[in-house]
Every structure is written in C-alpha cells, then in structure tokens.
C-alpha cells in the first residue's frame, strides 16, 4: 500500500512540469506542417505518430530525465511514509545512505556514494555517446 501512496506523490510532484514541457513542445510545432499533412490525407493518429512525435522527441527526453532526477529527490516523502526503515518496496538508496550515516558506518557510506556517482556518470556518458552517434549519422 505504501508504494502506491509514494507513486501518487511522485506523480503529483512531477506531472505538472512534465505536462508544461509537453504542451510547450506541442505548441512549438508549426501549423503549416500539420495542415500539409492533413491535406495529404493523414489521420490524427498518423499525424501524431509520424509528424508530431519525432519533432517533440527531445522534449520528451528532457521530461524523462527530469522525472527520473526528481524521483531521487523524494526521500523526504518516502521517509514520512515509511520511516527510517520502511518495507522493502519503499527502501531506496537514500534510506541506505541515511541509515549508514546515522549508524556511523562511513566505509559502507563511502563505497555506496562512489558507486552511485559511477552509475550516474556511466548513464550520462552513455547518453552523450548515443547523442553524438545519432548526430553524426
């Protein structure tokens, strides 16, 4: 039950700016492109799938990145719902780091922090590599 409450809170916190970015991206599409597609006989689903979605793909990527980033910032809410030792569904890396800090287990805290930094750095480098590879094609 706690995980559902937590998911609702995360969605509540991130849905606002995600919809805002999505709507701005949709409004930035020139109406001439849509009108030309409609004149060629494209139905609304095809117009969205083949015209609008490729144009707003980068905005959706930014929304996804910001949503994932903000999901890591929801420790306070998870702490309020489950306390310092919640059930396994809600236990996150933030709980692990907080509990090791409170227990003064600095060796585990340091190792976990280094692993988190390496993981985030690897994800960023892979994303940059894929973006560069796509740009060169």
Protein backbone atom coordinates (compact mmCIF):
# COMPACT_ATOMS: atom_id res chain seq x y z
CA UNK A 1 0.00 0.00 0.00
CA UNK A 2 2.84 2.39 0.83
CA UNK A 3 4.33 2.07 -2.64
CA UNK A 4 1.08 3.23 -4.24
CA UNK A 5 0.92 6.28 -2.00
CA UNK A 6 4.54 7.05 -2.83
CA UNK A 7 3.90 6.68 -6.58
CA UNK A 8 0.95 9.08 -6.35
CA UNK A 9 3.15 11.62 -4.54
CA UNK A 10 5.94 11.29 -7.14
CA UNK A 11 3.44 11.69 -9.96
CA UNK A 12 1.89 14.70 -8.23
CA UNK A 13 5.27 16.37 -7.89
CA UNK A 14 6.49 15.68 -11.43
CA UNK A 15 3.38 15.69 -13.57
CA UNK A 16 2.97 19.46 -13.55
CA UNK A 17 6.24 20.44 -15.18
CA UNK A 18 6.15 17.39 -17.47
CA UNK A 19 2.78 18.44 -18.87
CA UNK A 20 4.02 22.02 -19.16
CA UNK A 21 7.09 20.97 -21.17
CA UNK A 22 4.97 18.63 -23.30
CA UNK A 23 2.39 21.33 -24.06
CA UNK A 24 5.04 23.91 -24.96
CA UNK A 25 6.66 21.38 -27.30
CA UNK A 26 3.31 20.65 -28.94
CA UNK A 27 2.58 24.37 -29.39
CA UNK A 28 6.01 24.93 -30.96
CA UNK A 29 5.10 22.72 -33.94
CA UNK A 30 4.30 24.91 -36.91
CA UNK A 31 0.69 24.68 -38.01
CA UNK A 32 1.73 24.61 -41.68
CA UNK A 33 3.28 21.17 -41.21
CA UNK A 34 0.11 19.79 -39.66
CA UNK A 35 -2.10 21.44 -42.30
CA UNK A 36 0.02 20.00 -45.12
CA UNK A 37 -0.21 16.53 -43.57
CA UNK A 38 -3.99 16.80 -43.21
CA UNK A 39 -4.28 17.85 -46.86
CA UNK A 40 -2.33 14.75 -47.83
CA UNK A 41 -4.94 12.59 -46.06
CA UNK A 42 -3.18 11.72 -42.81
CA UNK A 43 -5.47 10.78 -39.93
CA UNK A 44 -4.87 12.31 -36.46
CA UNK A 45 -3.15 9.21 -35.07
CA UNK A 46 -0.72 9.06 -38.01
CA UNK A 47 -0.16 12.81 -37.69
CA UNK A 48 0.81 12.41 -34.05
CA UNK A 49 2.90 9.26 -34.55
CA UNK A 50 4.83 10.24 -37.69
CA UNK A 51 4.95 14.05 -37.51
CA UNK A 52 4.46 15.42 -34.02
CA UNK A 53 6.27 12.72 -32.02
CA UNK A 54 9.57 12.96 -33.95
CA UNK A 55 9.50 16.75 -33.57
CA UNK A 56 8.93 16.69 -29.80
CA UNK A 57 11.20 13.70 -29.12
CA UNK A 58 13.92 15.82 -27.49
CA UNK A 59 11.38 17.49 -25.19
CA UNK A 60 10.09 14.08 -24.12
CA UNK A 61 13.66 13.02 -23.38
CA UNK A 62 14.15 16.09 -21.17
CA UNK A 63 10.86 15.28 -19.39
CA UNK A 64 12.05 11.75 -18.77
CA UNK A 65 15.42 12.85 -17.44
CA UNK A 66 13.84 15.44 -15.12
CA UNK A 67 11.29 12.91 -13.87
CA UNK A 68 13.98 10.37 -13.04
CA UNK A 69 16.06 13.10 -11.36
CA UNK A 70 13.10 14.24 -9.28
CA UNK A 71 12.28 10.68 -8.27
CA UNK A 72 15.63 10.66 -6.43
CA UNK A 73 14.59 13.83 -4.63
CA UNK A 74 11.53 12.25 -3.00
CA UNK A 75 13.38 10.91 0.04
CA UNK A 76 11.52 13.20 2.43
CA UNK A 77 8.16 11.82 1.31
CA UNK A 78 9.37 8.22 1.49
CA UNK A 79 10.77 8.93 4.96
CA UNK A 80 7.45 10.39 6.11
CA UNK A 81 5.51 7.40 4.75
CA UNK A 82 7.76 4.57 5.88
CA UNK A 83 10.13 5.98 8.48
CA UNK A 84 13.83 5.26 8.62
CA UNK A 85 13.38 1.51 7.97
CA UNK A 86 10.43 1.12 5.58
CA UNK A 87 9.38 -2.14 3.95
CA UNK A 88 11.44 -3.47 1.04
CA UNK A 89 9.25 -1.89 -1.65
CA UNK A 90 9.94 1.62 -0.40
CA UNK A 91 13.54 1.21 0.78
CA UNK A 92 15.75 3.29 -1.52
CA UNK A 93 19.37 4.29 -1.90
CA UNK A 94 18.63 7.42 0.12
CA UNK A 95 17.46 5.28 3.04
CA UNK A 96 20.59 3.16 2.77
CA UNK A 97 22.83 6.23 2.81
CA UNK A 98 20.89 7.87 5.66
CA UNK A 99 20.93 4.73 7.82
CA UNK A 100 24.67 4.19 7.30
CA UNK A 101 25.31 7.83 8.16
CA UNK A 102 23.22 7.60 11.33
CA UNK A 103 25.00 4.36 12.36
CA UNK A 104 28.39 5.97 11.62
CA UNK A 105 29.24 3.22 9.15
CA UNK A 106 31.35 5.50 7.00
CA UNK A 107 33.08 2.77 4.99
CA UNK A 108 29.78 1.46 3.58
CA UNK A 109 28.56 5.03 3.11
CA UNK A 110 31.66 5.95 1.13
CA UNK A 111 31.50 2.82 -1.02
CA UNK A 112 27.81 3.36 -1.79
CA UNK A 113 28.41 7.02 -2.62
CA UNK A 114 31.21 6.14 -5.03
CA UNK A 115 29.00 3.50 -6.69
CA UNK A 116 26.15 6.00 -7.08
CA UNK A 117 28.49 8.57 -8.65
CA UNK A 118 29.95 5.93 -11.00
CA UNK A 119 26.48 4.74 -12.01
CA UNK A 120 25.18 8.24 -12.72
CA UNK A 121 28.39 9.11 -14.58
CA UNK A 122 28.10 5.97 -16.71
CA UNK A 123 24.48 6.76 -17.59
CA UNK A 124 25.44 10.32 -18.57
CA UNK A 125 28.40 9.15 -20.68
CA UNK A 126 26.29 6.54 -22.46
CA UNK A 127 23.65 9.17 -23.18
CA UNK A 128 26.27 11.58 -24.53
CA UNK A 129 27.78 8.82 -26.69
CA UNK A 130 24.39 7.89 -28.15
CA UNK A 131 23.53 11.54 -28.82
CA UNK A 132 26.86 12.11 -30.57
CA UNK A 133 26.47 8.92 -32.60
CA UNK A 134 22.98 9.95 -33.69
CA UNK A 135 24.11 13.48 -34.56
CA UNK A 136 26.93 12.16 -36.79
CA UNK A 137 24.52 9.92 -38.75
